């Protein structure tokens, strides 16, 4: 069970760090507070966490596109940042998918 939740925790901390770098403290707090939903043993909390994980993946993909466009315009290398941000986006998707497994759903009542 813990191994299925760890990607969500890592994903939330990474997204929080991303928002911290931008100086957006209320989104940092939201990322951290969202993890509190892990203690709410209701199905709706899993759905909210899944949606937030998928939203995080979209944010990472959008960030990757923006940075790649900037780097291409400046003639700078872009492949490494694409791989890194793509991997982080995939981690967020994986985190959302792992919350949909039968073992996790079993612990959260409807």
PDB file of N, CA and C in Angstrom:
ATOM      1  N   UNK A   1       0.823  -1.197   0.000  1.00  0.00           N
ATOM      2  CA  UNK A   1       0.000   0.000   0.000  1.00  0.00           C
ATOM      3  C   UNK A   1       0.867   1.262   0.000  1.00  0.00           C
ATOM      4  N   UNK A   2       1.878   1.271   0.823  1.00  0.00           N
ATOM      5  CA  UNK A   2       2.758   2.442   0.931  1.00  0.00           C
ATOM      6  C   UNK A   2       3.462   2.715  -0.394  1.00  0.00           C
ATOM      7  N   UNK A   3       3.868   1.652  -1.089  1.00  0.00           N
ATOM      8  CA  UNK A   3       4.557   1.823  -2.372  1.00  0.00           C
ATOM      9  C   UNK A   3       3.648   2.441  -3.423  1.00  0.00           C
ATOM     10  N   UNK A   4       2.344   2.295  -3.254  1.00  0.00           N
ATOM     11  CA  UNK A   4       1.405   2.897  -4.201  1.00  0.00           C
ATOM     12  C   UNK A   4       1.160   4.371  -3.909  1.00  0.00           C
ATOM     13  N   UNK A   5       1.476   4.800  -2.712  1.00  0.00           N
ATOM     14  CA  UNK A   5       1.232   6.194  -2.329  1.00  0.00           C
ATOM     15  C   UNK A   5       2.500   7.054  -2.449  1.00  0.00           C
ATOM     16  N   UNK A   6       3.651   6.434  -2.369  1.00  0.00           N
ATOM     17  CA  UNK A   6       4.917   7.186  -2.432  1.00  0.00           C
ATOM     18  C   UNK A   6       5.028   8.049  -3.692  1.00  0.00           C
ATOM     19  N   UNK A   7       4.677   7.549  -4.890  1.00  0.00           N
ATOM     20  CA  UNK A   7       4.768   8.426  -6.066  1.00  0.00           C
ATOM     21  C   UNK A   7       3.910   9.686  -5.949  1.00  0.00           C
ATOM     22  N   UNK A   8       2.752   9.572  -5.295  1.00  0.00           N
ATOM     23  CA  UNK A   8       1.909  10.754  -5.106  1.00  0.00           C
ATOM     24  C   UNK A   8       2.591  11.761  -4.184  1.00  0.00           C
ATOM     25  N   UNK A   9       3.198  11.277  -3.120  1.00  0.00           N
ATOM     26  CA  UNK A   9       3.880  12.163  -2.177  1.00  0.00           C
ATOM     27  C   UNK A   9       5.063  12.858  -2.850  1.00  0.00           C
ATOM     28  N   UNK A  10       5.854  12.093  -3.582  1.00  0.00           N
ATOM     29  CA  UNK A  10       7.002  12.674  -4.300  1.00  0.00           C
ATOM     30  C   UNK A  10       6.514  13.686  -5.319  1.00  0.00           C
ATOM     31  N   UNK A  11       5.466  13.326  -6.045  1.00  0.00           N
ATOM     32  CA  UNK A  11       4.911  14.222  -7.058  1.00  0.00           C
ATOM     33  C   UNK A  11       4.426  15.532  -6.443  1.00  0.00           C
ATOM     34  N   UNK A  12       3.753  15.449  -5.309  1.00  0.00           N
ATOM     35  CA  UNK A  12       3.254  16.653  -4.638  1.00  0.00           C
ATOM     36  C   UNK A  12       4.405  17.542  -4.169  1.00  0.00           C
ATOM     37  N   UNK A  13       5.452  16.933  -3.628  1.00  0.00           N
ATOM     38  CA  UNK A  13       6.607  17.723  -3.190  1.00  0.00           C
ATOM     39  C   UNK A  13       7.326  18.372  -4.366  1.00  0.00           C
ATOM     40  N   UNK A  14       7.456  17.649  -5.471  1.00  0.00           N
ATOM     41  CA  UNK A  14       8.099  18.226  -6.655  1.00  0.00           C
ATOM     42  C   UNK A  14       7.288  19.385  -7.208  1.00  0.00           C
ATOM     43  N   UNK A  15       5.973  19.222  -7.261  1.00  0.00           N
ATOM     44  CA  UNK A  15       5.128  20.306  -7.752  1.00  0.00           C
ATOM     45  C   UNK A  15       5.174  21.491  -6.788  1.00  0.00           C
ATOM     46  N   UNK A  16       5.199  21.199  -5.495  1.00  0.00           N
ATOM     47  CA  UNK A  16       5.330  22.270  -4.512  1.00  0.00           C
ATOM     48  C   UNK A  16       6.645  23.027  -4.683  1.00  0.00           C
ATOM     49  N   UNK A  17       7.717  22.308  -4.955  1.00  0.00           N
ATOM     50  CA  UNK A  17       9.021  22.952  -5.190  1.00  0.00           C
ATOM     51  C   UNK A  17       8.976  23.812  -6.449  1.00  0.00           C
ATOM     52  N   UNK A  18       8.273  23.330  -7.456  1.00  0.00           N
ATOM     53  CA  UNK A  18       8.112  24.107  -8.693  1.00  0.00           C
ATOM     54  C   UNK A  18       7.407  25.427  -8.399  1.00  0.00           C
ATOM     55  N   UNK A  19       6.329  25.362  -7.625  1.00  0.00           N
ATOM     56  CA  UNK A  19       5.595  26.587  -7.287  1.00  0.00           C
ATOM     57  C   UNK A  19       6.398  27.486  -6.354  1.00  0.00           C
ATOM     58  N   UNK A  20       7.193  26.892  -5.480  1.00  0.00           N
ATOM     59  CA  UNK A  20       8.044  27.679  -4.592  1.00  0.00           C
ATOM     60  C   UNK A  20       9.067  28.473  -5.400  1.00  0.00           C
ATOM     61  N   UNK A  21       9.620  27.837  -6.424  1.00  0.00           N
ATOM     62  CA  UNK A  21      10.587  28.524  -7.284  1.00  0.00           C
ATOM     63  C   UNK A  21       9.949  29.723  -7.986  1.00  0.00           C
ATOM     64  N   UNK A  22       8.656  29.592  -8.281  1.00  0.00           N
ATOM     65  CA  UNK A  22       7.920  30.691  -8.916  1.00  0.00           C
ATOM     66  C   UNK A  22       7.465  31.735  -7.897  1.00  0.00           C
ATOM     67  N   UNK A  23       7.616  31.426  -6.610  1.00  0.00           N
ATOM     68  CA  UNK A  23       7.201  32.347  -5.558  1.00  0.00           C
ATOM     69  C   UNK A  23       5.713  32.291  -5.254  1.00  0.00           C
ATOM     70  N   UNK A  24       5.049  31.220  -5.653  1.00  0.00           N
ATOM     71  CA  UNK A  24       3.615  31.077  -5.451  1.00  0.00           C
ATOM     72  C   UNK A  24       3.351  30.237  -4.198  1.00  0.00           C
ATOM     73  N   UNK A  25       3.386  30.896  -3.047  1.00  0.00           N
ATOM     74  CA  UNK A  25       3.311  30.188  -1.775  1.00  0.00           C
ATOM     75  C   UNK A  25       1.961  29.534  -1.505  1.00  0.00           C
ATOM     76  N   UNK A  26       0.879  30.116  -2.006  1.00  0.00           N
ATOM     77  CA  UNK A  26      -0.412  29.491  -1.730  1.00  0.00           C
ATOM     78  C   UNK A  26      -0.551  28.177  -2.483  1.00  0.00           C
ATOM     79  N   UNK A  27       0.050  28.054  -3.678  1.00  0.00           N
ATOM     80  CA  UNK A  27       0.028  26.773  -4.389  1.00  0.00           C
ATOM     81  C   UNK A  27       0.969  25.756  -3.739  1.00  0.00           C
ATOM     82  N   UNK A  28       2.047  26.236  -3.139  1.00  0.00           N
ATOM     83  CA  UNK A  28       2.921  25.337  -2.368  1.00  0.00           C
ATOM     84  C   UNK A  28       2.115  24.742  -1.215  1.00  0.00           C
ATOM     85  N   UNK A  29       1.399  25.594  -0.509  1.00  0.00           N
ATOM     86  CA  UNK A  29       0.565  25.129   0.599  1.00  0.00           C
ATOM     87  C   UNK A  29      -0.520  24.173   0.140  1.00  0.00           C
ATOM     88  N   UNK A  30      -1.117  24.451  -1.010  1.00  0.00           N
ATOM     89  CA  UNK A  30      -2.150  23.566  -1.545  1.00  0.00           C
ATOM     90  C   UNK A  30      -1.588  22.187  -1.856  1.00  0.00           C
ATOM     91  N   UNK A  31      -0.385  22.133  -2.429  1.00  0.00           N
ATOM     92  CA  UNK A  31       0.252  20.845  -2.722  1.00  0.00           C
ATOM     93  C   UNK A  31       0.478  20.043  -1.445  1.00  0.00           C
ATOM     94  N   UNK A  32       0.904  20.710  -0.412  1.00  0.00           N
ATOM     95  CA  UNK A  32       1.175  20.020   0.846  1.00  0.00           C
ATOM     96  C   UNK A  32      -0.115  19.656   1.584  1.00  0.00           C
ATOM     97  N   UNK A  33      -1.082  20.547   1.572  1.00  0.00           N
ATOM     98  CA  UNK A  33      -2.357  20.259   2.238  1.00  0.00           C
ATOM     99  C   UNK A  33      -3.122  19.138   1.537  1.00  0.00           C
ATOM    100  N   UNK A  34      -2.970  19.040   0.227  1.00  0.00           N
ATOM    101  CA  UNK A  34      -3.666  17.988  -0.519  1.00  0.00           C
ATOM    102  C   UNK A  34      -3.256  16.604  -0.030  1.00  0.00           C
ATOM    103  N   UNK A  35      -2.024  16.483   0.414  1.00  0.00           N
ATOM    104  CA  UNK A  35      -1.570  15.189   0.921  1.00  0.00           C
ATOM    105  C   UNK A  35      -2.337  14.767   2.166  1.00  0.00           C
ATOM    106  N   UNK A  36      -2.911  15.726   2.867  1.00  0.00           N
ATOM    107  CA  UNK A  36      -3.739  15.403   4.024  1.00  0.00           C
ATOM    108  C   UNK A  36      -4.966  14.585   3.655  1.00  0.00           C
ATOM    109  N   UNK A  37      -5.372  14.646   2.387  1.00  0.00           N
ATOM    110  CA  UNK A  37      -6.508  13.854   1.933  1.00  0.00           C
ATOM    111  C   UNK A  37      -6.217  12.357   1.971  1.00  0.00           C
ATOM    112  N   UNK A  38      -4.949  11.991   2.083  1.00  0.00           N
ATOM    113  CA  UNK A  38      -4.610  10.570   2.201  1.00  0.00           C
ATOM    114  C   UNK A  38      -5.177   9.969   3.484  1.00  0.00           C
ATOM    115  N   UNK A  39      -5.419  10.806   4.492  1.00  0.00           N
ATOM    116  CA  UNK A  39      -5.956  10.320   5.755  1.00  0.00           C
ATOM    117  C   UNK A  39      -7.485  10.301   5.768  1.00  0.00           C
ATOM    118  N   UNK A  40      -8.093  10.878   4.764  1.00  0.00           N
ATOM    119  CA  UNK A  40      -9.555  10.840   4.652  1.00  0.00           C
ATOM    120  C   UNK A  40      -9.901   9.559   3.904  1.00  0.00           C
ATOM    121  N   UNK A  41     -10.418   8.599   4.599  1.00  0.00           N
ATOM    122  CA  UNK A  41     -10.660   7.268   4.026  1.00  0.00           C
ATOM    123  C   UNK A  41     -11.990   7.202   3.286  1.00  0.00           C
ATOM    124  N   UNK A  42     -12.183   8.123   2.366  1.00  0.00           N
ATOM    125  CA  UNK A  42     -13.388   8.161   1.534  1.00  0.00           C
ATOM    126  C   UNK A  42     -12.986   8.126   0.074  1.00  0.00           C
ATOM    127  N   UNK A  43     -13.859   7.561  -0.742  1.00  0.00           N
ATOM    128  CA  UNK A  43     -13.564   7.428  -2.167  1.00  0.00           C
ATOM    129  C   UNK A  43     -13.361   8.785  -2.842  1.00  0.00           C
ATOM    130  N   UNK A  44     -14.113   9.804  -2.410  1.00  0.00           N
ATOM    131  CA  UNK A  44     -13.993  11.115  -3.033  1.00  0.00           C
ATOM    132  C   UNK A  44     -12.594  11.691  -2.859  1.00  0.00           C
ATOM    133  N   UNK A  45     -11.943  11.381  -1.741  1.00  0.00           N
ATOM    134  CA  UNK A  45     -10.591  11.906  -1.525  1.00  0.00           C
ATOM    135  C   UNK A  45      -9.617  11.309  -2.535  1.00  0.00           C
ATOM    136  N   UNK A  46      -9.800  10.037  -2.884  1.00  0.00           N
ATOM    137  CA  UNK A  46      -8.956   9.428  -3.920  1.00  0.00           C
ATOM    138  C   UNK A  46      -9.172  10.094  -5.275  1.00  0.00           C
ATOM    139  N   UNK A  47     -10.435  10.388  -5.565  1.00  0.00           N
ATOM    140  CA  UNK A  47     -10.743  11.029  -6.845  1.00  0.00           C
ATOM    141  C   UNK A  47     -10.099  12.413  -6.914  1.00  0.00           C
ATOM    142  N   UNK A  48     -10.199  13.165  -5.831  1.00  0.00           N
ATOM    143  CA  UNK A  48      -9.587  14.507  -5.797  1.00  0.00           C
ATOM    144  C   UNK A  48      -8.074  14.397  -5.962  1.00  0.00           C
ATOM    145  N   UNK A  49      -7.451  13.460  -5.257  1.00  0.00           N
ATOM    146  CA  UNK A  49      -6.001  13.291  -5.369  1.00  0.00           C
ATOM    147  C   UNK A  49      -5.593  12.861  -6.776  1.00  0.00           C
ATOM    148  N   UNK A  50      -6.385  11.994  -7.386  1.00  0.00           N
ATOM    149  CA  UNK A  50      -6.093  11.591  -8.763  1.00  0.00           C
ATOM    150  C   UNK A  50      -6.171  12.789  -9.703  1.00  0.00           C
ATOM    151  N   UNK A  51      -7.227  13.564  -9.576  1.00  0.00           N
ATOM    152  CA  UNK A  51      -7.368  14.734 -10.441  1.00  0.00           C
ATOM    153  C   UNK A  51      -6.220  15.714 -10.243  1.00  0.00           C
ATOM    154  N   UNK A  52      -5.804  15.898  -9.000  1.00  0.00           N
ATOM    155  CA  UNK A  52      -4.671  16.792  -8.731  1.00  0.00           C
ATOM    156  C   UNK A  52      -3.379  16.243  -9.324  1.00  0.00           C
ATOM    157  N   UNK A  53      -3.194  14.924  -9.275  1.00  0.00           N
ATOM    158  CA  UNK A  53      -1.999  14.315  -9.872  1.00  0.00           C
ATOM    159  C   UNK A  53      -1.992  14.526 -11.385  1.00  0.00           C
ATOM    160  N   UNK A  54      -3.148  14.329 -12.019  1.00  0.00           N
ATOM    161  CA  UNK A  54      -3.237  14.526 -13.468  1.00  0.00           C
ATOM    162  C   UNK A  54      -3.070  16.003 -13.834  1.00  0.00           C
ATOM    163  N   UNK A  55      -3.604  16.877 -13.000  1.00  0.00           N
ATOM    164  CA  UNK A  55      -3.408  18.311 -13.224  1.00  0.00           C
ATOM    165  C   UNK A  55      -1.929  18.663 -13.103  1.00  0.00           C
ATOM    166  N   UNK A  56      -1.250  18.050 -12.135  1.00  0.00           N
ATOM    167  CA  UNK A  56       0.190  18.257 -11.994  1.00  0.00           C
ATOM    168  C   UNK A  56       0.944  17.830 -13.246  1.00  0.00           C
ATOM    169  N   UNK A  57       0.530  16.722 -13.852  1.00  0.00           N
ATOM    170  CA  UNK A  57       1.167  16.259 -15.089  1.00  0.00           C
ATOM    171  C   UNK A  57       0.976  17.287 -16.205  1.00  0.00           C
ATOM    172  N   UNK A  58      -0.215  17.868 -16.270  1.00  0.00           N
ATOM    173  CA  UNK A  58      -0.455  18.903 -17.283  1.00  0.00           C
ATOM    174  C   UNK A  58       0.406  20.143 -17.035  1.00  0.00           C
ATOM    175  N   UNK A  59       0.567  20.496 -15.771  1.00  0.00           N
ATOM    176  CA  UNK A  59       1.412  21.647 -15.429  1.00  0.00           C
ATOM    177  C   UNK A  59       2.850  21.375 -15.846  1.00  0.00           C
ATOM    178  N   UNK A  60       3.346  20.159 -15.576  1.00  0.00           N
ATOM    179  CA  UNK A  60       4.718  19.820 -15.966  1.00  0.00           C
ATOM    180  C   UNK A  60       4.867  19.825 -17.486  1.00  0.00           C
ATOM    181  N   UNK A  61       3.873  19.302 -18.200  1.00  0.00           N
ATOM    182  CA  UNK A  61       3.943  19.286 -19.665  1.00  0.00           C
ATOM    183  C   UNK A  61       3.935  20.713 -20.220  1.00  0.00           C
ATOM    184  N   UNK A  62       3.096  21.556 -19.653  1.00  0.00           N
ATOM    185  CA  UNK A  62       3.042  22.957 -20.082  1.00  0.00           C
ATOM    186  C   UNK A  62       4.362  23.669 -19.808  1.00  0.00           C
ATOM    187  N   UNK A  63       4.927  23.405 -18.642  1.00  0.00           N
ATOM    188  CA  UNK A  63       6.222  23.994 -18.286  1.00  0.00           C
ATOM    189  C   UNK A  63       7.306  23.523 -19.242  1.00  0.00           C
ATOM    190  N   UNK A  64       7.273  22.247 -19.584  1.00  0.00           N
ATOM    191  CA  UNK A  64       8.267  21.699 -20.506  1.00  0.00           C
ATOM    192  C   UNK A  64       8.155  22.374 -21.871  1.00  0.00           C
ATOM    193  N   UNK A  65       6.946  22.527 -22.356  1.00  0.00           N
ATOM    194  CA  UNK A  65       6.746  23.164 -23.667  1.00  0.00           C
ATOM    195  C   UNK A  65       7.265  24.596 -23.648  1.00  0.00           C
ATOM    196  N   UNK A  66       6.943  25.325 -22.593  1.00  0.00           N
ATOM    197  CA  UNK A  66       7.395  26.716 -22.478  1.00  0.00           C
ATOM    198  C   UNK A  66       8.920  26.809 -22.460  1.00  0.00           C
ATOM    199  N   UNK A  67       9.552  25.976 -21.647  1.00  0.00           N
ATOM    200  CA  UNK A  67      11.016  26.026 -21.534  1.00  0.00           C
ATOM    201  C   UNK A  67      11.677  25.597 -22.836  1.00  0.00           C
ATOM    202  N   UNK A  68      11.146  24.574 -23.485  1.00  0.00           N
ATOM    203  CA  UNK A  68      11.725  24.119 -24.752  1.00  0.00           C
ATOM    204  C   UNK A  68      11.602  25.219 -25.806  1.00  0.00           C
ATOM    205  N   UNK A  69      10.463  25.881 -25.878  1.00  0.00           N
ATOM    206  CA  UNK A  69      10.300  26.972 -26.832  1.00  0.00           C
ATOM    207  C   UNK A  69      11.308  28.092 -26.573  1.00  0.00           C
ATOM    208  N   UNK A  70      11.501  28.431 -25.304  1.00  0.00           N
ATOM    209  CA  UNK A  70      12.473  29.471 -24.963  1.00  0.00           C
ATOM    210  C   UNK A  70      13.884  29.052 -25.359  1.00  0.00           C
ATOM    211  N   UNK A  71      14.239  27.809 -25.065  1.00  0.00           N
ATOM    212  CA  UNK A  71      15.583  27.327 -25.378  1.00  0.00           C
ATOM    213  C   UNK A  71      15.817  27.245 -26.874  1.00  0.00           C
ATOM    214  N   UNK A  72      14.807  26.812 -27.618  1.00  0.00           N
ATOM    215  CA  UNK A  72      14.938  26.754 -29.072  1.00  0.00           C
ATOM    216  C   UNK A  72      15.133  28.154 -29.645  1.00  0.00           C
ATOM    217  N   UNK A  73      14.379  29.124 -29.119  1.00  0.00           N
ATOM    218  CA  UNK A  73      14.495  30.503 -29.596  1.00  0.00           C
ATOM    219  C   UNK A  73      15.877  31.079 -29.312  1.00  0.00           C
ATOM    220  N   UNK A  74      16.488  30.643 -28.213  1.00  0.00           N
ATOM    221  CA  UNK A  74      17.814  31.147 -27.840  1.00  0.00           C
ATOM    222  C   UNK A  74      18.938  30.281 -28.384  1.00  0.00           C
ATOM    223  N   UNK A  75      18.588  29.179 -29.038  1.00  0.00           N
ATOM    224  CA  UNK A  75      19.611  28.281 -29.577  1.00  0.00           C
ATOM    225  C   UNK A  75      20.332  27.480 -28.504  1.00  0.00           C
ATOM    226  N   UNK A  76      19.676  27.278 -27.383  1.00  0.00           N
ATOM    227  CA  UNK A  76      20.271  26.527 -26.276  1.00  0.00           C
ATOM    228  C   UNK A  76      19.823  25.070 -26.318  1.00  0.00           C
ATOM    229  N   UNK A  77      20.550  24.183 -25.635  1.00  0.00           N
ATOM    230  CA  UNK A  77      20.139  22.772 -25.599  1.00  0.00           C
ATOM    231  C   UNK A  77      18.786  22.609 -24.904  1.00  0.00           C
ATOM    232  N   UNK A  78      17.974  21.692 -25.411  1.00  0.00           N
ATOM    233  CA  UNK A  78      16.628  21.527 -24.890  1.00  0.00           C
ATOM    234  C   UNK A  78      16.283  20.070 -24.562  1.00  0.00           C
ATOM    235  N   UNK A  79      17.062  19.122 -25.018  1.00  0.00           N
ATOM    236  CA  UNK A  79      16.717  17.711 -24.860  1.00  0.00           C
ATOM    237  C   UNK A  79      16.703  17.275 -23.394  1.00  0.00           C
ATOM    238  N   UNK A  80      17.700  17.675 -22.634  1.00  0.00           N
ATOM    239  CA  UNK A  80      17.792  17.253 -21.243  1.00  0.00           C
ATOM    240  C   UNK A  80      16.602  17.745 -20.426  1.00  0.00           C
ATOM    241  N   UNK A  81      16.210  18.993 -20.600  1.00  0.00           N
ATOM    242  CA  UNK A  81      15.068  19.528 -19.850  1.00  0.00           C
ATOM    243  C   UNK A  81      13.783  18.819 -20.266  1.00  0.00           C
ATOM    244  N   UNK A  82      13.693  18.438 -21.537  1.00  0.00           N
ATOM    245  CA  UNK A  82      12.512  17.708 -22.005  1.00  0.00           C
ATOM    246  C   UNK A  82      12.425  16.341 -21.340  1.00  0.00           C
ATOM    247  N   UNK A  83      13.543  15.657 -21.250  1.00  0.00           N
ATOM    248  CA  UNK A  83      13.571  14.332 -20.616  1.00  0.00           C
ATOM    249  C   UNK A  83      13.225  14.442 -19.131  1.00  0.00           C
ATOM    250  N   UNK A  84      13.823  15.407 -18.451  1.00  0.00           N
ATOM    251  CA  UNK A  84      13.590  15.558 -17.007  1.00  0.00           C
ATOM    252  C   UNK A  84      12.132  15.907 -16.726  1.00  0.00           C
ATOM    253  N   UNK A  85      11.609  16.930 -17.397  1.00  0.00           N
ATOM    254  CA  UNK A  85      10.232  17.339 -17.129  1.00  0.00           C
ATOM    255  C   UNK A  85       9.226  16.303 -17.634  1.00  0.00           C
ATOM    256  N   UNK A  86       9.572  15.599 -18.707  1.00  0.00           N
ATOM    257  CA  UNK A  86       8.715  14.508 -19.168  1.00  0.00           C
ATOM    258  C   UNK A  86       8.646  13.389 -18.142  1.00  0.00           C
ATOM    259  N   UNK A  87       9.777  13.079 -17.522  1.00  0.00           N
ATOM    260  CA  UNK A  87       9.805  12.035 -16.491  1.00  0.00           C
ATOM    261  C   UNK A  87       8.989  12.455 -15.277  1.00  0.00           C
ATOM    262  N   UNK A  88       9.065  13.708 -14.899  1.00  0.00           N
ATOM    263  CA  UNK A  88       8.292  14.195 -13.751  1.00  0.00           C
ATOM    264  C   UNK A  88       6.797  14.172 -14.079  1.00  0.00           C
ATOM    265  N   UNK A  89       6.443  14.533 -15.317  1.00  0.00           N
ATOM    266  CA  UNK A  89       5.039  14.467 -15.732  1.00  0.00           C
ATOM    267  C   UNK A  89       4.542  13.019 -15.701  1.00  0.00           C
ATOM    268  N   UNK A  90       5.365  12.098 -16.164  1.00  0.00           N
ATOM    269  CA  UNK A  90       4.986  10.687 -16.130  1.00  0.00           C
ATOM    270  C   UNK A  90       4.841  10.175 -14.698  1.00  0.00           C
ATOM    271  N   UNK A  91       5.683  10.653 -13.806  1.00  0.00           N
ATOM    272  CA  UNK A  91       5.555  10.286 -12.397  1.00  0.00           C
ATOM    273  C   UNK A  91       4.206  10.739 -11.851  1.00  0.00           C
ATOM    274  N   UNK A  92       3.777  11.931 -12.231  1.00  0.00           N
ATOM    275  CA  UNK A  92       2.477  12.435 -11.775  1.00  0.00           C
ATOM    276  C   UNK A  92       1.336  11.581 -12.318  1.00  0.00           C
ATOM    277  N   UNK A  93       1.437  11.185 -13.582  1.00  0.00           N
ATOM    278  CA  UNK A  93       0.410  10.314 -14.159  1.00  0.00           C
ATOM    279  C   UNK A  93       0.409   8.968 -13.446  1.00  0.00           C
ATOM    280  N   UNK A  94       1.597   8.413 -13.220  1.00  0.00           N
ATOM    281  CA  UNK A  94       1.708   7.143 -12.511  1.00  0.00           C
ATOM    282  C   UNK A  94       1.101   7.241 -11.116  1.00  0.00           C
ATOM    283  N   UNK A  95       1.350   8.351 -10.432  1.00  0.00           N
ATOM    284  CA  UNK A  95       0.801   8.553  -9.090  1.00  0.00           C
ATOM    285  C   UNK A  95      -0.723   8.507  -9.120  1.00  0.00           C
ATOM    286  N   UNK A  96      -1.323   9.146 -10.126  1.00  0.00           N
ATOM    287  CA  UNK A  96      -2.775   9.118 -10.256  1.00  0.00           C
ATOM    288  C   UNK A  96      -3.293   7.728 -10.571  1.00  0.00           C
ATOM    289  N   UNK A  97      -2.600   7.018 -11.450  1.00  0.00           N
ATOM    290  CA  UNK A  97      -3.026   5.668 -11.817  1.00  0.00           C
ATOM    291  C   UNK A  97      -2.924   4.696 -10.647  1.00  0.00           C
ATOM    292  N   UNK A  98      -1.887   4.840  -9.842  1.00  0.00           N
ATOM    293  CA  UNK A  98      -1.714   3.941  -8.701  1.00  0.00           C
ATOM    294  C   UNK A  98      -2.803   4.109  -7.647  1.00  0.00           C
ATOM    295  N   UNK A  99      -3.414   5.285  -7.612  1.00  0.00           N
ATOM    296  CA  UNK A  99      -4.517   5.497  -6.673  1.00  0.00           C
ATOM    297  C   UNK A  99      -5.791   4.800  -7.141  1.00  0.00           C
ATOM    298  N   UNK A 100      -5.780   4.310  -8.353  1.00  0.00           N
ATOM    299  CA  UNK A 100      -6.955   3.644  -8.912  1.00  0.00           C
ATOM    300  C   UNK A 100      -6.855   2.122  -8.834  1.00  0.00           C
ATOM    301  N   UNK A 101      -5.838   1.605  -8.173  1.00  0.00           N
ATOM    302  CA  UNK A 101      -5.676   0.158  -8.065  1.00  0.00           C
ATOM    303  C   UNK A 101      -6.642  -0.411  -7.038  1.00  0.00           C
ATOM    304  N   UNK A 102      -7.021  -1.678  -7.191  1.00  0.00           N
ATOM    305  CA  UNK A 102      -7.957  -2.291  -6.242  1.00  0.00           C
ATOM    306  C   UNK A 102      -7.469  -2.250  -4.787  1.00  0.00           C
ATOM    307  N   UNK A 103      -6.179  -2.410  -4.579  1.00  0.00           N
ATOM    308  CA  UNK A 103      -5.652  -2.403  -3.207  1.00  0.00           C
ATOM    309  C   UNK A 103      -5.888  -1.054  -2.525  1.00  0.00           C
ATOM    310  N   UNK A 104      -5.738   0.033  -3.265  1.00  0.00           N
ATOM    311  CA  UNK A 104      -5.948   1.364  -2.686  1.00  0.00           C
ATOM    312  C   UNK A 104      -7.444   1.621  -2.521  1.00  0.00           C
ATOM    313  N   UNK A 105      -8.230   1.297  -3.539  1.00  0.00           N
ATOM    314  CA  UNK A 105      -9.678   1.515  -3.464  1.00  0.00           C
ATOM    315  C   UNK A 105     -10.303   0.760  -2.294  1.00  0.00           C
ATOM    316  N   UNK A 106      -9.749  -0.397  -2.000  1.00  0.00           N
ATOM    317  CA  UNK A 106     -10.252  -1.239  -0.915  1.00  0.00           C
ATOM    318  C   UNK A 106     -10.170  -0.532   0.440  1.00  0.00           C
ATOM    319  N   UNK A 107      -9.145   0.271   0.622  1.00  0.00           N
ATOM    320  CA  UNK A 107      -8.948   0.962   1.911  1.00  0.00           C
ATOM    321  C   UNK A 107      -9.820   2.204   2.054  1.00  0.00           C
ATOM    322  N   UNK A 108     -10.365   2.679   0.950  1.00  0.00           N
ATOM    323  CA  UNK A 108     -11.168   3.900   0.966  1.00  0.00           C
ATOM    324  C   UNK A 108     -12.615   3.547   0.655  1.00  0.00           C
ATOM    325  N   UNK A 109     -13.500   3.748   1.625  1.00  0.00           N
ATOM    326  CA  UNK A 109     -14.900   3.382   1.446  1.00  0.00           C
ATOM    327  C   UNK A 109     -15.597   4.399   0.543  1.00  0.00           C
ATOM    328  N   UNK A 110     -16.700   3.994  -0.069  1.00  0.00           N
ATOM    329  CA  UNK A 110     -17.448   4.919  -0.961  1.00  0.00           C
ATOM    330  C   UNK A 110     -18.036   6.106  -0.240  1.00  0.00           C
TER     331      UNK A 110
END
